[in-house]
PDB file of N, CA and C in Angstrom:
ATOM      1  N   MET A   1     -10.987  13.650  11.048  1.00  0.00           N
ATOM      2  CA  MET A   1     -11.832  14.353  10.110  1.00  0.00           C
ATOM      3  C   MET A   1     -12.441  13.374   9.105  1.00  0.00           C
ATOM      4  N   TYR A   2     -11.596  12.519   8.524  1.00  0.00           N
ATOM      5  CA  TYR A   2     -12.081  11.512   7.589  1.00  0.00           C
ATOM      6  C   TYR A   2     -12.027  10.156   8.268  1.00  0.00           C
ATOM      7  N   LYS A   3     -12.847   9.243   7.817  1.00  0.00           N
ATOM      8  CA  LYS A   3     -12.846   7.878   8.362  1.00  0.00           C
ATOM      9  C   LYS A   3     -11.966   7.005   7.483  1.00  0.00           C
ATOM     10  N   ASP A   4     -10.658   7.168   7.634  1.00  0.00           N
ATOM     11  CA  ASP A   4      -9.669   6.425   6.874  1.00  0.00           C
ATOM     12  C   ASP A   4      -8.960   5.466   7.819  1.00  0.00           C
ATOM     13  N   TYR A   5      -8.907   4.182   7.447  1.00  0.00           N
ATOM     14  CA  TYR A   5      -8.267   3.205   8.325  1.00  0.00           C
ATOM     15  C   TYR A   5      -7.969   1.924   7.558  1.00  0.00           C
ATOM     16  N   ALA A   6      -7.007   1.167   8.086  1.00  0.00           N
ATOM     17  CA  ALA A   6      -6.664  -0.122   7.510  1.00  0.00           C
ATOM     18  C   ALA A   6      -7.698  -1.161   7.919  1.00  0.00           C
ATOM     19  N   ILE A   7      -8.100  -1.969   6.970  1.00  0.00           N
ATOM     20  CA  ILE A   7      -8.969  -3.111   7.238  1.00  0.00           C
ATOM     21  C   ILE A   7      -8.081  -4.336   7.452  1.00  0.00           C
ATOM     22  N   SER A   8      -7.036  -4.427   6.652  1.00  0.00           N
ATOM     23  CA  SER A   8      -6.034  -5.487   6.748  1.00  0.00           C
ATOM     24  C   SER A   8      -4.732  -4.912   6.215  1.00  0.00           C
ATOM     25  N   ASP A   9      -3.712  -5.741   6.052  1.00  0.00           N
ATOM     26  CA  ASP A   9      -2.443  -5.204   5.543  1.00  0.00           C
ATOM     27  C   ASP A   9      -2.514  -4.830   4.064  1.00  0.00           C
ATOM     28  N   THR A  10      -3.575  -5.269   3.357  1.00  0.00           N
ATOM     29  CA  THR A  10      -3.701  -4.909   1.940  1.00  0.00           C
ATOM     30  C   THR A  10      -5.017  -4.224   1.582  1.00  0.00           C
ATOM     31  N   LEU A  11      -5.920  -4.063   2.543  1.00  0.00           N
ATOM     32  CA  LEU A  11      -7.182  -3.365   2.276  1.00  0.00           C
ATOM     33  C   LEU A  11      -7.270  -2.111   3.135  1.00  0.00           C
ATOM     34  N   PHE A  12      -7.674  -1.010   2.509  1.00  0.00           N
ATOM     35  CA  PHE A  12      -7.727   0.277   3.205  1.00  0.00           C
ATOM     36  C   PHE A  12      -9.064   0.946   2.929  1.00  0.00           C
ATOM     37  N   HIS A  13      -9.737   1.383   3.992  1.00  0.00           N
ATOM     38  CA  HIS A  13     -10.991   2.133   3.886  1.00  0.00           C
ATOM     39  C   HIS A  13     -10.635   3.613   3.824  1.00  0.00           C
ATOM     40  N   TRP A  14     -11.127   4.269   2.786  1.00  0.00           N
ATOM     41  CA  TRP A  14     -10.829   5.686   2.571  1.00  0.00           C
ATOM     42  C   TRP A  14     -12.128   6.426   2.312  1.00  0.00           C
ATOM     43  N   GLN A  15     -12.230   7.624   2.870  1.00  0.00           N
ATOM     44  CA  GLN A  15     -13.439   8.421   2.695  1.00  0.00           C
ATOM     45  C   GLN A  15     -13.100   9.693   1.932  1.00  0.00           C
ATOM     46  N   SER A  16     -13.906   9.966   0.900  1.00  0.00           N
ATOM     47  CA  SER A  16     -13.709  11.178   0.100  1.00  0.00           C
ATOM     48  C   SER A  16     -14.153  12.417   0.877  1.00  0.00           C
ATOM     49  N   GLN A  17     -13.966  13.559   0.263  1.00  0.00           N
ATOM     50  CA  GLN A  17     -14.487  14.789   0.847  1.00  0.00           C
ATOM     51  C   GLN A  17     -16.015  14.693   0.910  1.00  0.00           C
ATOM     52  N   SER A  18     -16.598  15.400   1.852  1.00  0.00           N
ATOM     53  CA  SER A  18     -18.050  15.286   2.098  1.00  0.00           C
ATOM     54  C   SER A  18     -18.903  15.776   0.931  1.00  0.00           C
ATOM     55  N   THR A  19     -18.334  16.527   0.014  1.00  0.00           N
ATOM     56  CA  THR A  19     -19.101  17.047  -1.123  1.00  0.00           C
ATOM     57  C   THR A  19     -18.972  16.188  -2.377  1.00  0.00           C
ATOM     58  N   THR A  20     -18.187  15.106  -2.320  1.00  0.00           N
ATOM     59  CA  THR A  20     -17.960  14.275  -3.502  1.00  0.00           C
ATOM     60  C   THR A  20     -19.026  13.196  -3.621  1.00  0.00           C
ATOM     61  N   ALA A  21     -19.802  13.276  -4.689  1.00  0.00           N
ATOM     62  CA  ALA A  21     -20.836  12.285  -4.975  1.00  0.00           C
ATOM     63  C   ALA A  21     -20.240  11.170  -5.830  1.00  0.00           C
ATOM     64  N   ALA A  22     -20.762   9.962  -5.679  1.00  0.00           N
ATOM     65  CA  ALA A  22     -20.268   8.816  -6.452  1.00  0.00           C
ATOM     66  C   ALA A  22     -20.454   9.038  -7.951  1.00  0.00           C
ATOM     67  N   GLU A  23     -21.524   9.735  -8.329  1.00  0.00           N
ATOM     68  CA  GLU A  23     -21.793   9.951  -9.752  1.00  0.00           C
ATOM     69  C   GLU A  23     -21.151  11.222 -10.318  1.00  0.00           C
ATOM     70  N   SER A  24     -20.408  11.949  -9.507  1.00  0.00           N
ATOM     71  CA  SER A  24     -19.717  13.163  -9.971  1.00  0.00           C
ATOM     72  C   SER A  24     -18.487  12.772 -10.800  1.00  0.00           C
ATOM     73  N   PRO A  25     -17.938  13.705 -11.572  1.00  0.00           N
ATOM     74  CA  PRO A  25     -16.718  13.397 -12.324  1.00  0.00           C
ATOM     75  C   PRO A  25     -15.586  12.889 -11.423  1.00  0.00           C
ATOM     76  N   THR A  26     -15.433  13.484 -10.250  1.00  0.00           N
ATOM     77  CA  THR A  26     -14.383  13.040  -9.320  1.00  0.00           C
ATOM     78  C   THR A  26     -14.677  11.643  -8.804  1.00  0.00           C
ATOM     79  N   GLY A  27     -15.907  11.380  -8.410  1.00  0.00           N
ATOM     80  CA  GLY A  27     -16.292  10.057  -7.932  1.00  0.00           C
ATOM     81  C   GLY A  27     -16.092   8.988  -8.995  1.00  0.00           C
ATOM     82  N   ARG A  28     -16.508   9.281 -10.218  1.00  0.00           N
ATOM     83  CA  ARG A  28     -16.328   8.323 -11.319  1.00  0.00           C
ATOM     84  C   ARG A  28     -14.846   8.112 -11.615  1.00  0.00           C
ATOM     85  N   ARG A  29     -14.044   9.160 -11.455  1.00  0.00           N
ATOM     86  CA  ARG A  29     -12.596   9.035 -11.687  1.00  0.00           C
ATOM     87  C   ARG A  29     -11.981   8.053 -10.688  1.00  0.00           C
ATOM     88  N   TYR A  30     -12.407   8.120  -9.420  1.00  0.00           N
ATOM     89  CA  TYR A  30     -11.917   7.166  -8.424  1.00  0.00           C
ATOM     90  C   TYR A  30     -12.370   5.746  -8.769  1.00  0.00           C
ATOM     91  N   ILE A  31     -13.656   5.580  -9.004  1.00  0.00           N
ATOM     92  CA  ILE A  31     -14.254   4.266  -9.199  1.00  0.00           C
ATOM     93  C   ILE A  31     -13.767   3.593 -10.480  1.00  0.00           C
ATOM     94  N   ASN A  32     -13.585   4.360 -11.529  1.00  0.00           N
ATOM     95  CA  ASN A  32     -13.210   3.810 -12.840  1.00  0.00           C
ATOM     96  C   ASN A  32     -11.745   4.042 -13.194  1.00  0.00           C
ATOM     97  N   HIS A  33     -10.898   4.235 -12.208  1.00  0.00           N
ATOM     98  CA  HIS A  33      -9.513   4.614 -12.487  1.00  0.00           C
ATOM     99  C   HIS A  33      -8.785   3.624 -13.387  1.00  0.00           C
ATOM    100  N   ARG A  34      -8.966   2.329 -13.178  1.00  0.00           N
ATOM    101  CA  ARG A  34      -8.247   1.343 -14.011  1.00  0.00           C
ATOM    102  C   ARG A  34      -8.684   1.408 -15.464  1.00  0.00           C
ATOM    103  N   ALA A  35      -9.985   1.503 -15.699  1.00  0.00           N
ATOM    104  CA  ALA A  35     -10.502   1.571 -17.070  1.00  0.00           C
ATOM    105  C   ALA A  35     -10.005   2.818 -17.794  1.00  0.00           C
ATOM    106  N   ASN A  36      -9.705   3.859 -17.031  1.00  0.00           N
ATOM    107  CA  ASN A  36      -9.229   5.117 -17.609  1.00  0.00           C
ATOM    108  C   ASN A  36      -7.710   5.204 -17.646  1.00  0.00           C
ATOM    109  N   GLY A  37      -7.023   4.132 -17.252  1.00  0.00           N
ATOM    110  CA  GLY A  37      -5.562   4.118 -17.301  1.00  0.00           C
ATOM    111  C   GLY A  37      -4.897   4.965 -16.228  1.00  0.00           C
ATOM    112  N   VAL A  38      -5.586   5.181 -15.107  1.00  0.00           N
ATOM    113  CA  VAL A  38      -5.063   6.009 -14.023  1.00  0.00           C
ATOM    114  C   VAL A  38      -4.621   5.110 -12.870  1.00  0.00           C
ATOM    115  N   THR A  39      -3.466   5.407 -12.296  1.00  0.00           N
ATOM    116  CA  THR A  39      -2.974   4.684 -11.134  1.00  0.00           C
ATOM    117  C   THR A  39      -3.211   5.526  -9.893  1.00  0.00           C
ATOM    118  N   ILE A  40      -3.842   4.947  -8.894  1.00  0.00           N
ATOM    119  CA  ILE A  40      -4.075   5.609  -7.607  1.00  0.00           C
ATOM    120  C   ILE A  40      -2.864   5.349  -6.728  1.00  0.00           C
ATOM    121  N   LEU A  41      -2.283   6.395  -6.166  1.00  0.00           N
ATOM    122  CA  LEU A  41      -1.168   6.281  -5.232  1.00  0.00           C
ATOM    123  C   LEU A  41      -1.663   6.724  -3.865  1.00  0.00           C
ATOM    124  N   LEU A  42      -1.507   5.876  -2.864  1.00  0.00           N
ATOM    125  CA  LEU A  42      -2.064   6.149  -1.542  1.00  0.00           C
ATOM    126  C   LEU A  42      -0.983   6.635  -0.581  1.00  0.00           C
ATOM    127  N   PHE A  43      -1.229   7.799   0.006  1.00  0.00           N
ATOM    128  CA  PHE A  43      -0.377   8.392   1.030  1.00  0.00           C
ATOM    129  C   PHE A  43      -1.216   8.556   2.289  1.00  0.00           C
ATOM    130  N   VAL A  44      -0.656   8.241   3.441  1.00  0.00           N
ATOM    131  CA  VAL A  44      -1.382   8.382   4.703  1.00  0.00           C
ATOM    132  C   VAL A  44      -0.484   9.042   5.736  1.00  0.00           C
ATOM    133  N   ARG A  45      -1.113   9.593   6.760  1.00  0.00           N
ATOM    134  CA  ARG A  45      -0.352  10.109   7.898  1.00  0.00           C
ATOM    135  C   ARG A  45      -1.115   9.795   9.166  1.00  0.00           C
ATOM    136  N   GLU A  46      -0.356   9.695  10.255  1.00  0.00           N
ATOM    137  CA  GLU A  46      -0.965   9.319  11.528  1.00  0.00           C
ATOM    138  C   GLU A  46      -1.784  10.452  12.129  1.00  0.00           C
ATOM    139  N   ASN A  47      -1.255  11.658  12.059  1.00  0.00           N
ATOM    140  CA  ASN A  47      -1.908  12.833  12.637  1.00  0.00           C
ATOM    141  C   ASN A  47      -1.765  13.999  11.679  1.00  0.00           C
ATOM    142  N   GLU A  48      -2.634  14.976  11.842  1.00  0.00           N
ATOM    143  CA  GLU A  48      -2.547  16.158  10.989  1.00  0.00           C
ATOM    144  C   GLU A  48      -1.306  16.986  11.323  1.00  0.00           C
ATOM    145  N   LYS A  49      -1.009  17.132  12.601  1.00  0.00           N
ATOM    146  CA  LYS A  49       0.124  17.936  13.060  1.00  0.00           C
ATOM    147  C   LYS A  49       1.049  17.108  13.933  1.00  0.00           C
ATOM    148  N   VAL A  50       2.319  17.470  13.936  1.00  0.00           N
ATOM    149  CA  VAL A  50       3.256  16.816  14.851  1.00  0.00           C
ATOM    150  C   VAL A  50       3.008  17.356  16.253  1.00  0.00           C
ATOM    151  N   SER A  51       3.568  16.687  17.238  1.00  0.00           N
ATOM    152  CA  SER A  51       3.412  17.111  18.628  1.00  0.00           C
ATOM    153  C   SER A  51       3.797  18.579  18.761  1.00  0.00           C
ATOM    154  N   GLY A  52       2.978  19.354  19.395  1.00  0.00           N
ATOM    155  CA  GLY A  52       3.210  20.788  19.516  1.00  0.00           C
ATOM    156  C   GLY A  52       2.368  21.586  18.539  1.00  0.00           C
ATOM    157  N   GLY A  53       1.935  20.952  17.459  1.00  0.00           N
ATOM    158  CA  GLY A  53       0.996  21.565  16.537  1.00  0.00           C
ATOM    159  C   GLY A  53       1.505  22.629  15.596  1.00  0.00           C
ATOM    160  N   HIS A  54       2.821  22.782  15.461  1.00  0.00           N
ATOM    161  CA  HIS A  54       3.341  23.830  14.591  1.00  0.00           C
ATOM    162  C   HIS A  54       3.594  23.362  13.161  1.00  0.00           C
ATOM    163  N   TYR A  55       3.820  22.063  12.983  1.00  0.00           N
ATOM    164  CA  TYR A  55       4.178  21.542  11.665  1.00  0.00           C
ATOM    165  C   TYR A  55       3.266  20.384  11.291  1.00  0.00           C
ATOM    166  N   SER A  56       3.055  20.224   9.997  1.00  0.00           N
ATOM    167  CA  SER A  56       2.272  19.089   9.510  1.00  0.00           C
ATOM    168  C   SER A  56       3.050  17.799   9.702  1.00  0.00           C
ATOM    169  N   SER A  57       2.348  16.732   9.997  1.00  0.00           N
ATOM    170  CA  SER A  57       2.962  15.413  10.112  1.00  0.00           C
ATOM    171  C   SER A  57       3.359  14.918   8.727  1.00  0.00           C
ATOM    172  N   PRO A  58       4.396  14.102   8.653  1.00  0.00           N
ATOM    173  CA  PRO A  58       4.805  13.558   7.353  1.00  0.00           C
ATOM    174  C   PRO A  58       3.811  12.515   6.854  1.00  0.00           C
ATOM    175  N   PHE A  59       3.771  12.366   5.551  1.00  0.00           N
ATOM    176  CA  PHE A  59       2.953  11.332   4.929  1.00  0.00           C
ATOM    177  C   PHE A  59       3.804  10.099   4.687  1.00  0.00           C
ATOM    178  N   TYR A  60       3.179   8.929   4.746  1.00  0.00           N
ATOM    179  CA  TYR A  60       3.812   7.662   4.398  1.00  0.00           C
ATOM    180  C   TYR A  60       3.229   7.212   3.059  1.00  0.00           C
ATOM    181  N   TYR A  61       4.090   6.800   2.166  1.00  0.00           N
ATOM    182  CA  TYR A  61       3.662   6.310   0.856  1.00  0.00           C
ATOM    183  C   TYR A  61       3.366   4.822   0.950  1.00  0.00           C
ATOM    184  N   LEU A  62       2.118   4.438   0.706  1.00  0.00           N
ATOM    185  CA  LEU A  62       1.731   3.031   0.752  1.00  0.00           C
ATOM    186  C   LEU A  62       1.757   2.373  -0.618  1.00  0.00           C
ATOM    187  N   GLY A  63       1.969   3.170  -1.657  1.00  0.00           N
ATOM    188  CA  GLY A  63       2.091   2.619  -3.001  1.00  0.00           C
ATOM    189  C   GLY A  63       0.800   2.662  -3.791  1.00  0.00           C
ATOM    190  N   PRO A  64       0.818   1.997  -4.956  1.00  0.00           N
ATOM    191  CA  PRO A  64      -0.371   1.960  -5.801  1.00  0.00           C
ATOM    192  C   PRO A  64      -1.498   1.158  -5.149  1.00  0.00           C
ATOM    193  N   ALA A  65      -2.724   1.570  -5.447  1.00  0.00           N
ATOM    194  CA  ALA A  65      -3.900   0.905  -4.897  1.00  0.00           C
ATOM    195  C   ALA A  65      -4.954   0.783  -5.990  1.00  0.00           C
ATOM    196  N   ASP A  66      -5.785  -0.233  -5.874  1.00  0.00           N
ATOM    197  CA  ASP A  66      -6.842  -0.478  -6.849  1.00  0.00           C
ATOM    198  C   ASP A  66      -8.202  -0.480  -6.167  1.00  0.00           C
ATOM    199  N   TYR A  67      -9.175   0.069  -6.866  1.00  0.00           N
ATOM    200  CA  TYR A  67     -10.561   0.119  -6.392  1.00  0.00           C
ATOM    201  C   TYR A  67     -11.104  -1.293  -6.190  1.00  0.00           C
ATOM    202  N   VAL A  68     -11.764  -1.512  -5.053  1.00  0.00           N
ATOM    203  CA  VAL A  68     -12.435  -2.781  -4.775  1.00  0.00           C
ATOM    204  C   VAL A  68     -13.942  -2.568  -4.761  1.00  0.00           C
ATOM    205  N   SER A  69     -14.412  -1.604  -3.952  1.00  0.00           N
ATOM    206  CA  SER A  69     -15.848  -1.355  -3.835  1.00  0.00           C
ATOM    207  C   SER A  69     -16.056   0.013  -3.199  1.00  0.00           C
ATOM    208  N   HIS A  70     -17.303   0.454  -3.223  1.00  0.00           N
ATOM    209  CA  HIS A  70     -17.636   1.699  -2.535  1.00  0.00           C
ATOM    210  C   HIS A  70     -19.067   1.635  -2.015  1.00  0.00           C
ATOM    211  N   THR A  71     -19.322   2.479  -1.027  1.00  0.00           N
ATOM    212  CA  THR A  71     -20.667   2.677  -0.504  1.00  0.00           C
ATOM    213  C   THR A  71     -20.849   4.171  -0.301  1.00  0.00           C
ATOM    214  N   GLY A  72     -22.080   4.588  -0.342  1.00  0.00           N
ATOM    215  CA  GLY A  72     -22.409   5.970  -0.027  1.00  0.00           C
ATOM    216  C   GLY A  72     -22.025   6.970  -1.096  1.00  0.00           C
ATOM    217  N   SER A  73     -22.379   8.191  -0.801  1.00  0.00           N
ATOM    218  CA  SER A  73     -22.122   9.323  -1.675  1.00  0.00           C
ATOM    219  C   SER A  73     -22.211  10.574  -0.808  1.00  0.00           C
ATOM    220  N   LYS A  74     -21.274  11.467  -1.021  1.00  0.00           N
ATOM    221  CA  LYS A  74     -21.205  12.707  -0.227  1.00  0.00           C
ATOM    222  C   LYS A  74     -21.096  12.423   1.260  1.00  0.00           C
ATOM    223  N   PRO A  75     -20.121  11.733   1.739  1.00  0.00           N
ATOM    224  CA  PRO A  75     -18.905  11.271   1.066  1.00  0.00           C
ATOM    225  C   PRO A  75     -19.038   9.853   0.514  1.00  0.00           C
ATOM    226  N   ILE A  76     -18.072   9.491  -0.324  1.00  0.00           N
ATOM    227  CA  ILE A  76     -17.955   8.122  -0.832  1.00  0.00           C
ATOM    228  C   ILE A  76     -16.999   7.378   0.089  1.00  0.00           C
ATOM    229  N   ASN A  77     -17.370   6.184   0.496  1.00  0.00           N
ATOM    230  CA  ASN A  77     -16.487   5.312   1.267  1.00  0.00           C
ATOM    231  C   ASN A  77     -15.936   4.267   0.311  1.00  0.00           C
ATOM    232  N   ILE A  78     -14.639   4.307   0.060  1.00  0.00           N
ATOM    233  CA  ILE A  78     -14.016   3.413  -0.916  1.00  0.00           C
ATOM    234  C   ILE A  78     -13.078   2.447  -0.211  1.00  0.00           C
ATOM    235  N   ILE A  79     -13.132   1.183  -0.647  1.00  0.00           N
ATOM    236  CA  ILE A  79     -12.162   0.181  -0.209  1.00  0.00           C
ATOM    237  C   ILE A  79     -11.124   0.072  -1.319  1.00  0.00           C
ATOM    238  N   TRP A  80      -9.868   0.299  -0.966  1.00  0.00           N
ATOM    239  CA  TRP A  80      -8.736   0.181  -1.891  1.00  0.00           C
ATOM    240  C   TRP A  80      -7.944  -1.067  -1.542  1.00  0.00           C
ATOM    241  N   LYS A  81      -7.446  -1.762  -2.545  1.00  0.00           N
ATOM    242  CA  LYS A  81      -6.544  -2.893  -2.333  1.00  0.00           C
ATOM    243  C   LYS A  81      -5.137  -2.432  -2.664  1.00  0.00           C
ATOM    244  N   LEU A  82      -4.269  -2.458  -1.664  1.00  0.00           N
ATOM    245  CA  LEU A  82      -2.877  -2.080  -1.863  1.00  0.00           C
ATOM    246  C   LEU A  82      -2.161  -3.182  -2.639  1.00  0.00           C
ATOM    247  N   ARG A  83      -1.277  -2.802  -3.528  1.00  0.00           N
ATOM    248  CA  ARG A  83      -0.530  -3.799  -4.303  1.00  0.00           C
ATOM    249  C   ARG A  83       0.602  -4.411  -3.490  1.00  0.00           C
ATOM    250  N   ALA A  84       0.999  -3.755  -2.421  1.00  0.00           N
ATOM    251  CA  ALA A  84       2.015  -4.280  -1.498  1.00  0.00           C
ATOM    252  C   ALA A  84       1.473  -4.116  -0.085  1.00  0.00           C
ATOM    253  N   PRO A  85       1.760  -5.055   0.812  1.00  0.00           N
ATOM    254  CA  PRO A  85       1.238  -4.946   2.180  1.00  0.00           C
ATOM    255  C   PRO A  85       1.727  -3.691   2.900  1.00  0.00           C
ATOM    256  N   MET A  86       0.864  -3.161   3.732  1.00  0.00           N
ATOM    257  CA  MET A  86       1.190  -1.999   4.553  1.00  0.00           C
ATOM    258  C   MET A  86       2.194  -2.415   5.633  1.00  0.00           C
ATOM    259  N   PRO A  87       3.164  -1.534   5.955  1.00  0.00           N
ATOM    260  CA  PRO A  87       4.089  -1.861   7.049  1.00  0.00           C
ATOM    261  C   PRO A  87       3.324  -2.131   8.344  1.00  0.00           C
ATOM    262  N   ALA A  88       3.802  -3.117   9.111  1.00  0.00           N
ATOM    263  CA  ALA A  88       3.117  -3.563  10.329  1.00  0.00           C
ATOM    264  C   ALA A  88       2.861  -2.416  11.302  1.00  0.00           C
ATOM    265  N   LYS A  89       3.814  -1.506  11.471  1.00  0.00           N
ATOM    266  CA  LYS A  89       3.637  -0.388  12.409  1.00  0.00           C
ATOM    267  C   LYS A  89       2.441   0.474  12.009  1.00  0.00           C
ATOM    268  N   LEU A  90       2.339   0.804  10.742  1.00  0.00           N
ATOM    269  CA  LEU A  90       1.214   1.620  10.281  1.00  0.00           C
ATOM    270  C   LEU A  90      -0.095   0.847  10.352  1.00  0.00           C
ATOM    271  N   LEU A  91      -0.040  -0.439  10.084  1.00  0.00           N
ATOM    272  CA  LEU A  91      -1.245  -1.267  10.165  1.00  0.00           C
ATOM    273  C   LEU A  91      -1.804  -1.241  11.579  1.00  0.00           C
ATOM    274  N   ARG A  92      -0.958  -1.427  12.576  1.00  0.00           N
ATOM    275  CA  ARG A  92      -1.414  -1.416  13.971  1.00  0.00           C
ATOM    276  C   ARG A  92      -2.017  -0.065  14.332  1.00  0.00           C
ATOM    277  N   GLN A  93      -1.360   1.011  13.946  1.00  0.00           N
ATOM    278  CA  GLN A  93      -1.853   2.343  14.291  1.00  0.00           C
ATOM    279  C   GLN A  93      -3.137   2.682  13.552  1.00  0.00           C
ATOM    280  N   SER A  94      -3.210   2.344  12.290  1.00  0.00           N
ATOM    281  CA  SER A  94      -4.381   2.667  11.495  1.00  0.00           C
ATOM    282  C   SER A  94      -5.584   1.814  11.881  1.00  0.00           C
ATOM    283  N   ALA A  95      -5.355   0.553  12.195  1.00  0.00           N
ATOM    284  CA  ALA A  95      -6.463  -0.342  12.549  1.00  0.00           C
ATOM    285  C   ALA A  95      -7.160   0.131  13.825  1.00  0.00           C
ATOM    286  N   ARG A  96      -6.425   0.805  14.705  1.00  0.00           N
ATOM    287  CA  ARG A  96      -7.042   1.322  15.934  1.00  0.00           C
ATOM    288  C   ARG A  96      -8.069   2.403  15.639  1.00  0.00           C
ATOM    289  N   LEU A  97      -7.972   3.039  14.477  1.00  0.00           N
ATOM    290  CA  LEU A  97      -8.898   4.120  14.121  1.00  0.00           C
ATOM    291  C   LEU A  97     -10.221   3.594  13.572  1.00  0.00           C
ATOM    292  N   ALA A  98     -10.252   2.311  13.238  1.00  0.00           N
ATOM    293  CA  ALA A  98     -11.454   1.729  12.645  1.00  0.00           C
ATOM    294  C   ALA A  98     -12.618   1.774  13.629  1.00  0.00           C
ATOM    295  N   VAL A  99     -13.763   2.162  13.132  1.00  0.00           N
ATOM    296  CA  VAL A  99     -14.970   2.175  13.933  1.00  0.00           C
ATOM    297  C   VAL A  99     -15.756   0.938  13.549  1.00  0.00           C
ATOM    298  N   VAL A 100     -15.914   0.043  14.489  1.00  0.00           N
ATOM    299  CA  VAL A 100     -16.602  -1.217  14.201  1.00  0.00           C
ATOM    300  C   VAL A 100     -17.999  -1.190  14.759  1.00  0.00           C
TER     301      VAL A 100
END
């Protein structure tokens, strides 16, 4: 649904909801989070549902992340820098989702 994927073990491409503009209050909150004293915490999951489709898949906590750059609007594509490297297993799985 979203184009979210690892670029490297410390950089993550994340896409906002399709209605979020870069100049909206939500978009500015993402982009200016450090100046506003807000910490972004990144959670990811491999799939929406577990095998069989009855339950949601668990989220993995990747830790705090900082804004690096963004492109676009509605949706916003944001590059986050993780403060700690992503576990190798998640990096391999997430990198496969990248569209090059």
